[in-house]
Amino acid sequence: MHKCDIMSQKKGHKPGKENKIMNKTELVEVVSKNAAISKAEAQKVVTATLDAIVAGVVSDGKVILPGFGTFETRQRSARNGRNPRTGEVIKIKATKAPAFKPGKGMKDAVAKKKK
């Protein structure tokens, strides 16, 4: 049994397909079991980790976790779009968006997963 087998099925999808998801509660359970700590402690660890990643991306623009991946902000330039209802051309402002680029370790782990 894999340590991430505490995953739920996404609603509306057929069983047997690649549709498993893990929510924050399930992640806390896995961290609690793997680190042999209470769920309350694991909740604090997971929350603190996610908060630190968000703060790092907001302030520095990039958080690099070797083997896992890189969280960063990417600049989206201004562009023209269309209102789907009216077909009218609208201007879409430039913005920053969060992005994740998986590292080699994650890519290799996903590629080795049984199909």
PDB file of N, CA and C in Angstrom:
ATOM      1  N   MET A   1       0.849  -1.186   0.000  1.00  0.00           N
ATOM      2  CA  MET A   1       0.000   0.000   0.000  1.00  0.00           C
ATOM      3  C   MET A   1       0.891   1.245   0.000  1.00  0.00           C
ATOM      4  N   HIS A   2       0.576   2.178  -0.845  1.00  0.00           N
ATOM      5  CA  HIS A   2       1.349   3.408  -0.974  1.00  0.00           C
ATOM      6  C   HIS A   2       0.921   4.389   0.102  1.00  0.00           C
ATOM      7  N   LYS A   3       1.846   5.240   0.545  1.00  0.00           N
ATOM      8  CA  LYS A   3       1.552   6.183   1.623  1.00  0.00           C
ATOM      9  C   LYS A   3       0.491   7.209   1.255  1.00  0.00           C
ATOM     10  N   CYS A   4       0.202   7.382  -0.027  1.00  0.00           N
ATOM     11  CA  CYS A   4      -0.812   8.356  -0.451  1.00  0.00           C
ATOM     12  C   CYS A   4      -2.113   7.679  -0.855  1.00  0.00           C
ATOM     13  N   ASP A   5      -2.351   6.441  -0.359  1.00  0.00           N
ATOM     14  CA  ASP A   5      -3.569   5.732  -0.720  1.00  0.00           C
ATOM     15  C   ASP A   5      -4.806   6.263  -0.010  1.00  0.00           C
ATOM     16  N   ILE A   6      -4.637   7.270   0.842  1.00  0.00           N
ATOM     17  CA  ILE A   6      -5.780   7.888   1.518  1.00  0.00           C
ATOM     18  C   ILE A   6      -6.286   8.996   0.602  1.00  0.00           C
ATOM     19  N   MET A   7      -6.815   8.628  -0.524  1.00  0.00           N
ATOM     20  CA  MET A   7      -7.279   9.600  -1.500  1.00  0.00           C
ATOM     21  C   MET A   7      -8.735   9.322  -1.832  1.00  0.00           C
ATOM     22  N   SER A   8      -9.457  10.350  -2.171  1.00  0.00           N
ATOM     23  CA  SER A   8     -10.867  10.188  -2.485  1.00  0.00           C
ATOM     24  C   SER A   8     -11.080  10.245  -3.991  1.00  0.00           C
ATOM     25  N   GLN A   9     -12.193   9.702  -4.418  1.00  0.00           N
ATOM     26  CA  GLN A   9     -12.560   9.743  -5.824  1.00  0.00           C
ATOM     27  C   GLN A   9     -13.254  11.064  -6.126  1.00  0.00           C
ATOM     28  N   LYS A  10     -12.913  11.661  -7.228  1.00  0.00           N
ATOM     29  CA  LYS A  10     -13.551  12.900  -7.648  1.00  0.00           C
ATOM     30  C   LYS A  10     -14.999  12.593  -8.038  1.00  0.00           C
ATOM     31  N   LYS A  11     -15.927  13.396  -7.587  1.00  0.00           N
ATOM     32  CA  LYS A  11     -17.337  13.151  -7.871  1.00  0.00           C
ATOM     33  C   LYS A  11     -17.619  13.255  -9.364  1.00  0.00           C
ATOM     34  N   GLY A  12     -18.484  12.361  -9.838  1.00  0.00           N
ATOM     35  CA  GLY A  12     -18.916  12.419 -11.224  1.00  0.00           C
ATOM     36  C   GLY A  12     -18.000  11.698 -12.200  1.00  0.00           C
ATOM     37  N   HIS A  13     -16.931  11.089 -11.702  1.00  0.00           N
ATOM     38  CA  HIS A  13     -16.022  10.368 -12.573  1.00  0.00           C
ATOM     39  C   HIS A  13     -16.148   8.879 -12.333  1.00  0.00           C
ATOM     40  N   LYS A  14     -15.826   8.095 -13.340  1.00  0.00           N
ATOM     41  CA  LYS A  14     -15.957   6.655 -13.247  1.00  0.00           C
ATOM     42  C   LYS A  14     -14.778   6.060 -12.476  1.00  0.00           C
ATOM     43  N   PRO A  15     -15.049   5.055 -11.636  1.00  0.00           N
ATOM     44  CA  PRO A  15     -13.963   4.396 -10.907  1.00  0.00           C
ATOM     45  C   PRO A  15     -12.991   3.720 -11.877  1.00  0.00           C
ATOM     46  N   GLY A  16     -11.738   3.608 -11.460  1.00  0.00           N
ATOM     47  CA  GLY A  16     -10.746   2.957 -12.296  1.00  0.00           C
ATOM     48  C   GLY A  16      -9.995   3.916 -13.195  1.00  0.00           C
ATOM     49  N   LYS A  17     -10.495   5.111 -13.355  1.00  0.00           N
ATOM     50  CA  LYS A  17      -9.816   6.123 -14.169  1.00  0.00           C
ATOM     51  C   LYS A  17      -8.837   6.872 -13.283  1.00  0.00           C
ATOM     52  N   GLU A  18      -7.936   7.633 -13.885  1.00  0.00           N
ATOM     53  CA  GLU A  18      -6.975   8.435 -13.129  1.00  0.00           C
ATOM     54  C   GLU A  18      -7.675   9.688 -12.616  1.00  0.00           C
ATOM     55  N   ASN A  19      -8.513   9.537 -11.598  1.00  0.00           N
ATOM     56  CA  ASN A  19      -9.268  10.681 -11.105  1.00  0.00           C
ATOM     57  C   ASN A  19      -9.181  10.828  -9.588  1.00  0.00           C
ATOM     58  N   LYS A  20      -8.147  10.263  -8.980  1.00  0.00           N
ATOM     59  CA  LYS A  20      -8.003  10.399  -7.536  1.00  0.00           C
ATOM     60  C   LYS A  20      -7.478  11.792  -7.198  1.00  0.00           C
ATOM     61  N   ILE A  21      -8.016  12.339  -6.127  1.00  0.00           N
ATOM     62  CA  ILE A  21      -7.559  13.646  -5.656  1.00  0.00           C
ATOM     63  C   ILE A  21      -7.265  13.535  -4.169  1.00  0.00           C
ATOM     64  N   MET A  22      -6.425  14.421  -3.673  1.00  0.00           N
ATOM     65  CA  MET A  22      -6.150  14.476  -2.246  1.00  0.00           C
ATOM     66  C   MET A  22      -6.433  15.893  -1.789  1.00  0.00           C
ATOM     67  N   ASN A  23      -7.303  16.030  -0.795  1.00  0.00           N
ATOM     68  CA  ASN A  23      -7.581  17.360  -0.265  1.00  0.00           C
ATOM     69  C   ASN A  23      -6.668  17.629   0.939  1.00  0.00           C
ATOM     70  N   LYS A  24      -6.787  18.800   1.521  1.00  0.00           N
ATOM     71  CA  LYS A  24      -5.893  19.200   2.606  1.00  0.00           C
ATOM     72  C   LYS A  24      -6.052  18.289   3.824  1.00  0.00           C
ATOM     73  N   THR A  25      -7.274  17.896   4.145  1.00  0.00           N
ATOM     74  CA  THR A  25      -7.514  17.015   5.285  1.00  0.00           C
ATOM     75  C   THR A  25      -6.811  15.683   5.099  1.00  0.00           C
ATOM     76  N   GLU A  26      -6.889  15.130   3.903  1.00  0.00           N
ATOM     77  CA  GLU A  26      -6.237  13.859   3.613  1.00  0.00           C
ATOM     78  C   GLU A  26      -4.712  14.014   3.627  1.00  0.00           C
ATOM     79  N   LEU A  27      -4.215  15.151   3.160  1.00  0.00           N
ATOM     80  CA  LEU A  27      -2.782  15.418   3.216  1.00  0.00           C
ATOM     81  C   LEU A  27      -2.309  15.470   4.665  1.00  0.00           C
ATOM     82  N   VAL A  28      -3.086  16.099   5.525  1.00  0.00           N
ATOM     83  CA  VAL A  28      -2.752  16.176   6.953  1.00  0.00           C
ATOM     84  C   VAL A  28      -2.695  14.767   7.547  1.00  0.00           C
ATOM     85  N   GLU A  29      -3.623  13.892   7.171  1.00  0.00           N
ATOM     86  CA  GLU A  29      -3.619  12.506   7.659  1.00  0.00           C
ATOM     87  C   GLU A  29      -2.346  11.781   7.241  1.00  0.00           C
ATOM     88  N   VAL A  30      -1.943  11.938   5.992  1.00  0.00           N
ATOM     89  CA  VAL A  30      -0.742  11.277   5.480  1.00  0.00           C
ATOM     90  C   VAL A  30       0.499  11.802   6.203  1.00  0.00           C
ATOM     91  N   VAL A  31       0.594  13.120   6.372  1.00  0.00           N
ATOM     92  CA  VAL A  31       1.738  13.715   7.071  1.00  0.00           C
ATOM     93  C   VAL A  31       1.764  13.221   8.522  1.00  0.00           C
ATOM     94  N   SER A  32       0.606  13.160   9.149  1.00  0.00           N
ATOM     95  CA  SER A  32       0.511  12.691  10.529  1.00  0.00           C
ATOM     96  C   SER A  32       1.038  11.266  10.664  1.00  0.00           C
ATOM     97  N   LYS A  33       0.610  10.383   9.773  1.00  0.00           N
ATOM     98  CA  LYS A  33       1.048   8.985   9.818  1.00  0.00           C
ATOM     99  C   LYS A  33       2.530   8.858   9.503  1.00  0.00           C
ATOM    100  N   ASN A  34       2.985   9.511   8.437  1.00  0.00           N
ATOM    101  CA  ASN A  34       4.376   9.360   7.996  1.00  0.00           C
ATOM    102  C   ASN A  34       5.376   9.984   8.961  1.00  0.00           C
ATOM    103  N   ALA A  35       4.988  11.050   9.641  1.00  0.00           N
ATOM    104  CA  ALA A  35       5.898  11.730  10.566  1.00  0.00           C
ATOM    105  C   ALA A  35       5.678  11.288  12.018  1.00  0.00           C
ATOM    106  N   ALA A  36       4.703  10.401  12.226  1.00  0.00           N
ATOM    107  CA  ALA A  36       4.372   9.902  13.573  1.00  0.00           C
ATOM    108  C   ALA A  36       4.095  11.063  14.534  1.00  0.00           C
ATOM    109  N   ILE A  37       3.257  11.995  14.075  1.00  0.00           N
ATOM    110  CA  ILE A  37       2.842  13.126  14.904  1.00  0.00           C
ATOM    111  C   ILE A  37       1.321  13.177  14.932  1.00  0.00           C
ATOM    112  N   SER A  38       0.765  13.963  15.827  1.00  0.00           N
ATOM    113  CA  SER A  38      -0.691  14.067  15.919  1.00  0.00           C
ATOM    114  C   SER A  38      -1.239  14.815  14.699  1.00  0.00           C
ATOM    115  N   LYS A  39      -2.524  14.635  14.471  1.00  0.00           N
ATOM    116  CA  LYS A  39      -3.160  15.346  13.355  1.00  0.00           C
ATOM    117  C   LYS A  39      -3.123  16.856  13.580  1.00  0.00           C
ATOM    118  N   ALA A  40      -3.239  17.291  14.828  1.00  0.00           N
ATOM    119  CA  ALA A  40      -3.185  18.729  15.128  1.00  0.00           C
ATOM    120  C   ALA A  40      -1.812  19.296  14.772  1.00  0.00           C
ATOM    121  N   GLU A  41      -0.760  18.553  15.116  1.00  0.00           N
ATOM    122  CA  GLU A  41       0.599  18.995  14.772  1.00  0.00           C
ATOM    123  C   GLU A  41       0.797  18.980  13.256  1.00  0.00           C
ATOM    124  N   ALA A  42       0.305  17.934  12.602  1.00  0.00           N
ATOM    125  CA  ALA A  42       0.428  17.835  11.149  1.00  0.00           C
ATOM    126  C   ALA A  42      -0.322  18.971  10.465  1.00  0.00           C
ATOM    127  N   GLN A  43      -1.482  19.348  11.012  1.00  0.00           N
ATOM    128  CA  GLN A  43      -2.260  20.462  10.469  1.00  0.00           C
ATOM    129  C   GLN A  43      -1.442  21.739  10.517  1.00  0.00           C
ATOM    130  N   LYS A  44      -0.759  21.974  11.646  1.00  0.00           N
ATOM    131  CA  LYS A  44       0.083  23.165  11.795  1.00  0.00           C
ATOM    132  C   LYS A  44       1.234  23.139  10.796  1.00  0.00           C
ATOM    133  N   VAL A  45       1.844  21.965  10.616  1.00  0.00           N
ATOM    134  CA  VAL A  45       2.979  21.824   9.692  1.00  0.00           C
ATOM    135  C   VAL A  45       2.538  22.094   8.254  1.00  0.00           C
ATOM    136  N   VAL A  46       1.447  21.475   7.843  1.00  0.00           N
ATOM    137  CA  VAL A  46       0.958  21.652   6.466  1.00  0.00           C
ATOM    138  C   VAL A  46       0.564  23.107   6.235  1.00  0.00           C
ATOM    139  N   THR A  47      -0.168  23.693   7.157  1.00  0.00           N
ATOM    140  CA  THR A  47      -0.589  25.094   7.017  1.00  0.00           C
ATOM    141  C   THR A  47       0.614  26.028   6.970  1.00  0.00           C
ATOM    142  N   ALA A  48       1.586  25.810   7.858  1.00  0.00           N
ATOM    143  CA  ALA A  48       2.781  26.654   7.877  1.00  0.00           C
ATOM    144  C   ALA A  48       3.572  26.511   6.575  1.00  0.00           C
ATOM    145  N   THR A  49       3.667  25.305   6.062  1.00  0.00           N
ATOM    146  CA  THR A  49       4.385  25.073   4.798  1.00  0.00           C
ATOM    147  C   THR A  49       3.704  25.798   3.645  1.00  0.00           C
ATOM    148  N   LEU A  50       2.398  25.640   3.542  1.00  0.00           N
ATOM    149  CA  LEU A  50       1.663  26.305   2.451  1.00  0.00           C
ATOM    150  C   LEU A  50       1.736  27.821   2.580  1.00  0.00           C
ATOM    151  N   ASP A  51       1.629  28.329   3.803  1.00  0.00           N
ATOM    152  CA  ASP A  51       1.740  29.776   4.034  1.00  0.00           C
ATOM    153  C   ASP A  51       3.120  30.297   3.633  1.00  0.00           C
ATOM    154  N   ALA A  52       4.158  29.526   3.956  1.00  0.00           N
ATOM    155  CA  ALA A  52       5.523  29.928   3.608  1.00  0.00           C
ATOM    156  C   ALA A  52       5.726  29.939   2.095  1.00  0.00           C
ATOM    157  N   ILE A  53       5.152  28.977   1.405  1.00  0.00           N
ATOM    158  CA  ILE A  53       5.267  28.939  -0.062  1.00  0.00           C
ATOM    159  C   ILE A  53       4.563  30.147  -0.667  1.00  0.00           C
ATOM    160  N   VAL A  54       3.349  30.431  -0.202  1.00  0.00           N
ATOM    161  CA  VAL A  54       2.609  31.587  -0.720  1.00  0.00           C
ATOM    162  C   VAL A  54       3.380  32.877  -0.443  1.00  0.00           C
ATOM    163  N   ALA A  55       3.878  33.034   0.773  1.00  0.00           N
ATOM    164  CA  ALA A  55       4.631  34.242   1.125  1.00  0.00           C
ATOM    165  C   ALA A  55       5.891  34.371   0.281  1.00  0.00           C
ATOM    166  N   GLY A  56       6.567  33.260   0.029  1.00  0.00           N
ATOM    167  CA  GLY A  56       7.770  33.280  -0.798  1.00  0.00           C
ATOM    168  C   GLY A  56       7.488  33.673  -2.231  1.00  0.00           C
ATOM    169  N   VAL A  57       6.422  33.165  -2.776  1.00  0.00           N
ATOM    170  CA  VAL A  57       6.053  33.508  -4.152  1.00  0.00           C
ATOM    171  C   VAL A  57       5.627  34.967  -4.238  1.00  0.00           C
ATOM    172  N   VAL A  58       4.872  35.434  -3.253  1.00  0.00           N
ATOM    173  CA  VAL A  58       4.413  36.820  -3.254  1.00  0.00           C
ATOM    174  C   VAL A  58       5.589  37.788  -3.126  1.00  0.00           C
ATOM    175  N   SER A  59       6.526  37.510  -2.220  1.00  0.00           N
ATOM    176  CA  SER A  59       7.613  38.461  -1.982  1.00  0.00           C
ATOM    177  C   SER A  59       8.781  38.300  -2.954  1.00  0.00           C
ATOM    178  N   ASP A  60       9.248  37.101  -3.138  1.00  0.00           N
ATOM    179  CA  ASP A  60      10.425  36.871  -3.976  1.00  0.00           C
ATOM    180  C   ASP A  60      10.083  36.454  -5.402  1.00  0.00           C
ATOM    181  N   GLY A  61       8.881  35.983  -5.599  1.00  0.00           N
ATOM    182  CA  GLY A  61       8.473  35.551  -6.929  1.00  0.00           C
ATOM    183  C   GLY A  61       8.801  34.115  -7.248  1.00  0.00           C
ATOM    184  N   LYS A  62       9.559  33.415  -6.371  1.00  0.00           N
ATOM    185  CA  LYS A  62       9.936  32.039  -6.685  1.00  0.00           C
ATOM    186  C   LYS A  62      10.297  31.272  -5.414  1.00  0.00           C
ATOM    187  N   VAL A  63       9.800  30.023  -5.315  1.00  0.00           N
ATOM    188  CA  VAL A  63      10.187  29.100  -4.250  1.00  0.00           C
ATOM    189  C   VAL A  63      10.621  27.810  -4.931  1.00  0.00           C
ATOM    190  N   ILE A  64      11.891  27.431  -4.723  1.00  0.00           N
ATOM    191  CA  ILE A  64      12.443  26.253  -5.381  1.00  0.00           C
ATOM    192  C   ILE A  64      12.621  25.139  -4.350  1.00  0.00           C
ATOM    193  N   LEU A  65      12.004  23.987  -4.616  1.00  0.00           N
ATOM    194  CA  LEU A  65      12.156  22.798  -3.782  1.00  0.00           C
ATOM    195  C   LEU A  65      12.784  21.722  -4.660  1.00  0.00           C
ATOM    196  N   PRO A  66      14.125  21.565  -4.606  1.00  0.00           N
ATOM    197  CA  PRO A  66      14.808  20.622  -5.491  1.00  0.00           C
ATOM    198  C   PRO A  66      14.195  19.220  -5.433  1.00  0.00           C
ATOM    199  N   GLY A  67      13.983  18.646  -6.601  1.00  0.00           N
ATOM    200  CA  GLY A  67      13.381  17.324  -6.704  1.00  0.00           C
ATOM    201  C   GLY A  67      11.868  17.350  -6.698  1.00  0.00           C
ATOM    202  N   PHE A  68      11.278  18.411  -6.173  1.00  0.00           N
ATOM    203  CA  PHE A  68       9.817  18.525  -6.125  1.00  0.00           C
ATOM    204  C   PHE A  68       9.323  19.458  -7.213  1.00  0.00           C
ATOM    205  N   GLY A  69       9.803  20.717  -7.195  1.00  0.00           N
ATOM    206  CA  GLY A  69       9.375  21.659  -8.212  1.00  0.00           C
ATOM    207  C   GLY A  69       9.589  23.096  -7.796  1.00  0.00           C
ATOM    208  N   THR A  70       9.133  23.989  -8.650  1.00  0.00           N
ATOM    209  CA  THR A  70       9.294  25.417  -8.439  1.00  0.00           C
ATOM    210  C   THR A  70       7.938  26.109  -8.489  1.00  0.00           C
ATOM    211  N   PHE A  71       7.660  26.890  -7.457  1.00  0.00           N
ATOM    212  CA  PHE A  71       6.480  27.746  -7.424  1.00  0.00           C
ATOM    213  C   PHE A  71       6.960  29.133  -7.802  1.00  0.00           C
ATOM    214  N   GLU A  72       6.251  29.803  -8.708  1.00  0.00           N
ATOM    215  CA  GLU A  72       6.689  31.125  -9.140  1.00  0.00           C
ATOM    216  C   GLU A  72       5.510  31.950  -9.631  1.00  0.00           C
ATOM    217  N   THR A  73       5.768  33.244  -9.855  1.00  0.00           N
ATOM    218  CA  THR A  73       4.759  34.093 -10.481  1.00  0.00           C
ATOM    219  C   THR A  73       5.162  34.289 -11.936  1.00  0.00           C
ATOM    220  N   ARG A  74       4.173  34.331 -12.784  1.00  0.00           N
ATOM    221  CA  ARG A  74       4.405  34.580 -14.204  1.00  0.00           C
ATOM    222  C   ARG A  74       3.576  35.786 -14.617  1.00  0.00           C
ATOM    223  N   GLN A  75       4.177  36.611 -15.431  1.00  0.00           N
ATOM    224  CA  GLN A  75       3.514  37.823 -15.906  1.00  0.00           C
ATOM    225  C   GLN A  75       2.673  37.492 -17.129  1.00  0.00           C
ATOM    226  N   ARG A  76       1.421  37.843 -17.093  1.00  0.00           N
ATOM    227  CA  ARG A  76       0.544  37.714 -18.266  1.00  0.00           C
ATOM    228  C   ARG A  76       0.365  39.106 -18.846  1.00  0.00           C
ATOM    229  N   SER A  77       0.673  39.251 -20.119  1.00  0.00           N
ATOM    230  CA  SER A  77       0.584  40.566 -20.746  1.00  0.00           C
ATOM    231  C   SER A  77      -0.867  40.927 -21.056  1.00  0.00           C
ATOM    232  N   ALA A  78      -1.082  42.208 -21.256  1.00  0.00           N
ATOM    233  CA  ALA A  78      -2.419  42.688 -21.628  1.00  0.00           C
ATOM    234  C   ALA A  78      -2.756  42.153 -23.017  1.00  0.00           C
ATOM    235  N   ARG A  79      -4.035  41.893 -23.226  1.00  0.00           N
ATOM    236  CA  ARG A  79      -4.442  41.347 -24.528  1.00  0.00           C
ATOM    237  C   ARG A  79      -5.914  41.666 -24.776  1.00  0.00           C
ATOM    238  N   ASN A  80      -6.327  41.438 -25.986  1.00  0.00           N
ATOM    239  CA  ASN A  80      -7.733  41.607 -26.338  1.00  0.00           C
ATOM    240  C   ASN A  80      -8.436  40.263 -26.237  1.00  0.00           C
ATOM    241  N   GLY A  81      -9.661  40.303 -25.773  1.00  0.00           N
ATOM    242  CA  GLY A  81     -10.484  39.103 -25.690  1.00  0.00           C
ATOM    243  C   GLY A  81     -11.859  39.414 -26.249  1.00  0.00           C
ATOM    244  N   ARG A  82     -12.729  38.444 -26.181  1.00  0.00           N
ATOM    245  CA  ARG A  82     -14.100  38.641 -26.659  1.00  0.00           C
ATOM    246  C   ARG A  82     -15.092  38.264 -25.579  1.00  0.00           C
ATOM    247  N   ASN A  83     -16.138  39.071 -25.448  1.00  0.00           N
ATOM    248  CA  ASN A  83     -17.248  38.733 -24.574  1.00  0.00           C
ATOM    249  C   ASN A  83     -17.995  37.600 -25.280  1.00  0.00           C
ATOM    250  N   PRO A  84     -18.078  36.412 -24.676  1.00  0.00           N
ATOM    251  CA  PRO A  84     -18.709  35.287 -25.362  1.00  0.00           C
ATOM    252  C   PRO A  84     -20.203  35.495 -25.635  1.00  0.00           C
ATOM    253  N   ARG A  85     -20.836  36.340 -24.857  1.00  0.00           N
ATOM    254  CA  ARG A  85     -22.263  36.578 -25.041  1.00  0.00           C
ATOM    255  C   ARG A  85     -22.549  37.508 -26.218  1.00  0.00           C
ATOM    256  N   THR A  86     -21.754  38.580 -26.292  1.00  0.00           N
ATOM    257  CA  THR A  86     -22.042  39.601 -27.303  1.00  0.00           C
ATOM    258  C   THR A  86     -21.067  39.589 -28.469  1.00  0.00           C
ATOM    259  N   GLY A  87     -19.905  38.967 -28.275  1.00  0.00           N
ATOM    260  CA  GLY A  87     -18.887  38.983 -29.322  1.00  0.00           C
ATOM    261  C   GLY A  87     -18.078  40.269 -29.329  1.00  0.00           C
ATOM    262  N   GLU A  88     -18.381  41.177 -28.420  1.00  0.00           N
ATOM    263  CA  GLU A  88     -17.686  42.456 -28.333  1.00  0.00           C
ATOM    264  C   GLU A  88     -16.238  42.248 -27.894  1.00  0.00           C
ATOM    265  N   VAL A  89     -15.318  42.996 -28.521  1.00  0.00           N
ATOM    266  CA  VAL A  89     -13.911  42.940 -28.149  1.00  0.00           C
ATOM    267  C   VAL A  89     -13.725  43.691 -26.834  1.00  0.00           C
ATOM    268  N   ILE A  90     -13.029  43.052 -25.893  1.00  0.00           N
ATOM    269  CA  ILE A  90     -12.762  43.683 -24.607  1.00  0.00           C
ATOM    270  C   ILE A  90     -11.257  43.648 -24.340  1.00  0.00           C
ATOM    271  N   LYS A  91     -10.788  44.593 -23.515  1.00  0.00           N
ATOM    272  CA  LYS A  91      -9.376  44.629 -23.153  1.00  0.00           C
ATOM    273  C   LYS A  91      -9.192  43.889 -21.838  1.00  0.00           C
ATOM    274  N   ILE A  92      -8.240  42.963 -21.812  1.00  0.00           N
ATOM    275  CA  ILE A  92      -7.911  42.217 -20.600  1.00  0.00           C
ATOM    276  C   ILE A  92      -6.593  42.772 -20.078  1.00  0.00           C
ATOM    277  N   LYS A  93      -6.586  43.223 -18.826  1.00  0.00           N
ATOM    278  CA  LYS A  93      -5.408  43.858 -18.233  1.00  0.00           C
ATOM    279  C   LYS A  93      -4.280  42.854 -18.016  1.00  0.00           C
ATOM    280  N   ALA A  94      -3.052  43.372 -17.970  1.00  0.00           N
ATOM    281  CA  ALA A  94      -1.893  42.555 -17.620  1.00  0.00           C
ATOM    282  C   ALA A  94      -2.029  42.150 -16.160  1.00  0.00           C
ATOM    283  N   THR A  95      -1.538  40.970 -15.824  1.00  0.00           N
ATOM    284  CA  THR A  95      -1.644  40.485 -14.457  1.00  0.00           C
ATOM    285  C   THR A  95      -0.523  39.507 -14.142  1.00  0.00           C
ATOM    286  N   LYS A  96      -0.349  39.245 -12.864  1.00  0.00           N
ATOM    287  CA  LYS A  96       0.572  38.208 -12.421  1.00  0.00           C
ATOM    288  C   LYS A  96      -0.252  36.994 -12.037  1.00  0.00           C
ATOM    289  N   ALA A  97       0.269  35.800 -12.334  1.00  0.00           N
ATOM    290  CA  ALA A  97      -0.435  34.573 -11.994  1.00  0.00           C
ATOM    291  C   ALA A  97       0.535  33.587 -11.360  1.00  0.00           C
ATOM    292  N   PRO A  98       0.081  32.835 -10.351  1.00  0.00           N
ATOM    293  CA  PRO A  98       0.959  31.822  -9.762  1.00  0.00           C
ATOM    294  C   PRO A  98       1.100  30.639 -10.717  1.00  0.00           C
ATOM    295  N   ALA A  99       2.261  29.983 -10.672  1.00  0.00           N
ATOM    296  CA  ALA A  99       2.503  28.832 -11.541  1.00  0.00           C
ATOM    297  C   ALA A  99       3.371  27.825 -10.801  1.00  0.00           C
ATOM    298  N   PHE A 100       3.285  26.572 -11.214  1.00  0.00           N
ATOM    299  CA  PHE A 100       4.105  25.505 -10.648  1.00  0.00           C
ATOM    300  C   PHE A 100       4.759  24.735 -11.780  1.00  0.00           C
ATOM    301  N   LYS A 101       6.060  24.522 -11.648  1.00  0.00           N
ATOM    302  CA  LYS A 101       6.800  23.726 -12.625  1.00  0.00           C
ATOM    303  C   LYS A 101       7.374  22.524 -11.881  1.00  0.00           C
ATOM    304  N   PRO A 102       6.935  21.304 -12.208  1.00  0.00           N
ATOM    305  CA  PRO A 102       7.433  20.140 -11.486  1.00  0.00           C
ATOM    306  C   PRO A 102       8.916  19.910 -11.725  1.00  0.00           C
ATOM    307  N   GLY A 103       9.604  19.411 -10.690  1.00  0.00           N
ATOM    308  CA  GLY A 103      11.022  19.088 -10.786  1.00  0.00           C
ATOM    309  C   GLY A 103      11.226  17.684 -11.316  1.00  0.00           C
ATOM    310  N   LYS A 104      12.469  17.330 -11.542  1.00  0.00           N
ATOM    311  CA  LYS A 104      12.803  16.028 -12.117  1.00  0.00           C
ATOM    312  C   LYS A 104      12.301  14.880 -11.236  1.00  0.00           C
ATOM    313  N   GLY A 105      12.466  14.989  -9.930  1.00  0.00           N
ATOM    314  CA  GLY A 105      12.015  13.935  -9.026  1.00  0.00           C
ATOM    315  C   GLY A 105      10.524  13.678  -9.141  1.00  0.00           C
ATOM    316  N   MET A 106       9.735  14.745  -9.216  1.00  0.00           N
ATOM    317  CA  MET A 106       8.289  14.578  -9.352  1.00  0.00           C
ATOM    318  C   MET A 106       7.938  14.005 -10.717  1.00  0.00           C
ATOM    319  N   LYS A 107       8.575  14.516 -11.758  1.00  0.00           N
ATOM    320  CA  LYS A 107       8.307  14.007 -13.107  1.00  0.00           C
ATOM    321  C   LYS A 107       8.612  12.521 -13.195  1.00  0.00           C
ATOM    322  N   ASP A 108       9.750  12.110 -12.624  1.00  0.00           N
ATOM    323  CA  ASP A 108      10.132  10.704 -12.654  1.00  0.00           C
ATOM    324  C   ASP A 108       9.146   9.844 -11.858  1.00  0.00           C
ATOM    325  N   ALA A 109       8.714  10.324 -10.694  1.00  0.00           N
ATOM    326  CA  ALA A 109       7.763   9.575  -9.870  1.00  0.00           C
ATOM    327  C   ALA A 109       6.436   9.387 -10.594  1.00  0.00           C
ATOM    328  N   VAL A 110       5.963  10.424 -11.267  1.00  0.00           N
ATOM    329  CA  VAL A 110       4.689  10.339 -11.994  1.00  0.00           C
ATOM    330  C   VAL A 110       4.840   9.401 -13.198  1.00  0.00           C
ATOM    331  N   ALA A 111       5.971   9.475 -13.890  1.00  0.00           N
ATOM    332  CA  ALA A 111       6.197   8.639 -15.061  1.00  0.00           C
ATOM    333  C   ALA A 111       6.284   7.154 -14.698  1.00  0.00           C
ATOM    334  N   LYS A 112       6.796   6.846 -13.502  1.00  0.00           N
ATOM    335  CA  LYS A 112       6.931   5.446 -13.063  1.00  0.00           C
ATOM    336  C   LYS A 112       5.649   4.856 -12.510  1.00  0.00           C
ATOM    337  N   LYS A 113       4.649   5.704 -12.240  1.00  0.00           N
ATOM    338  CA  LYS A 113       3.393   5.229 -11.658  1.00  0.00           C
ATOM    339  C   LYS A 113       2.738   4.228 -12.598  1.00  0.00           C
ATOM    340  N   LYS A 114       2.184   3.149 -12.013  1.00  0.00           N
ATOM    341  CA  LYS A 114       1.513   2.130 -12.810  1.00  0.00           C
ATOM    342  C   LYS A 114       0.307   2.726 -13.512  1.00  0.00           C
ATOM    343  N   LYS A 115       0.091   2.296 -14.735  1.00  0.00           N
ATOM    344  CA  LYS A 115      -1.043   2.813 -15.509  1.00  0.00           C
ATOM    345  C   LYS A 115      -2.226   1.903 -15.440  1.00  0.00           C
TER     346      LYS A 115
END
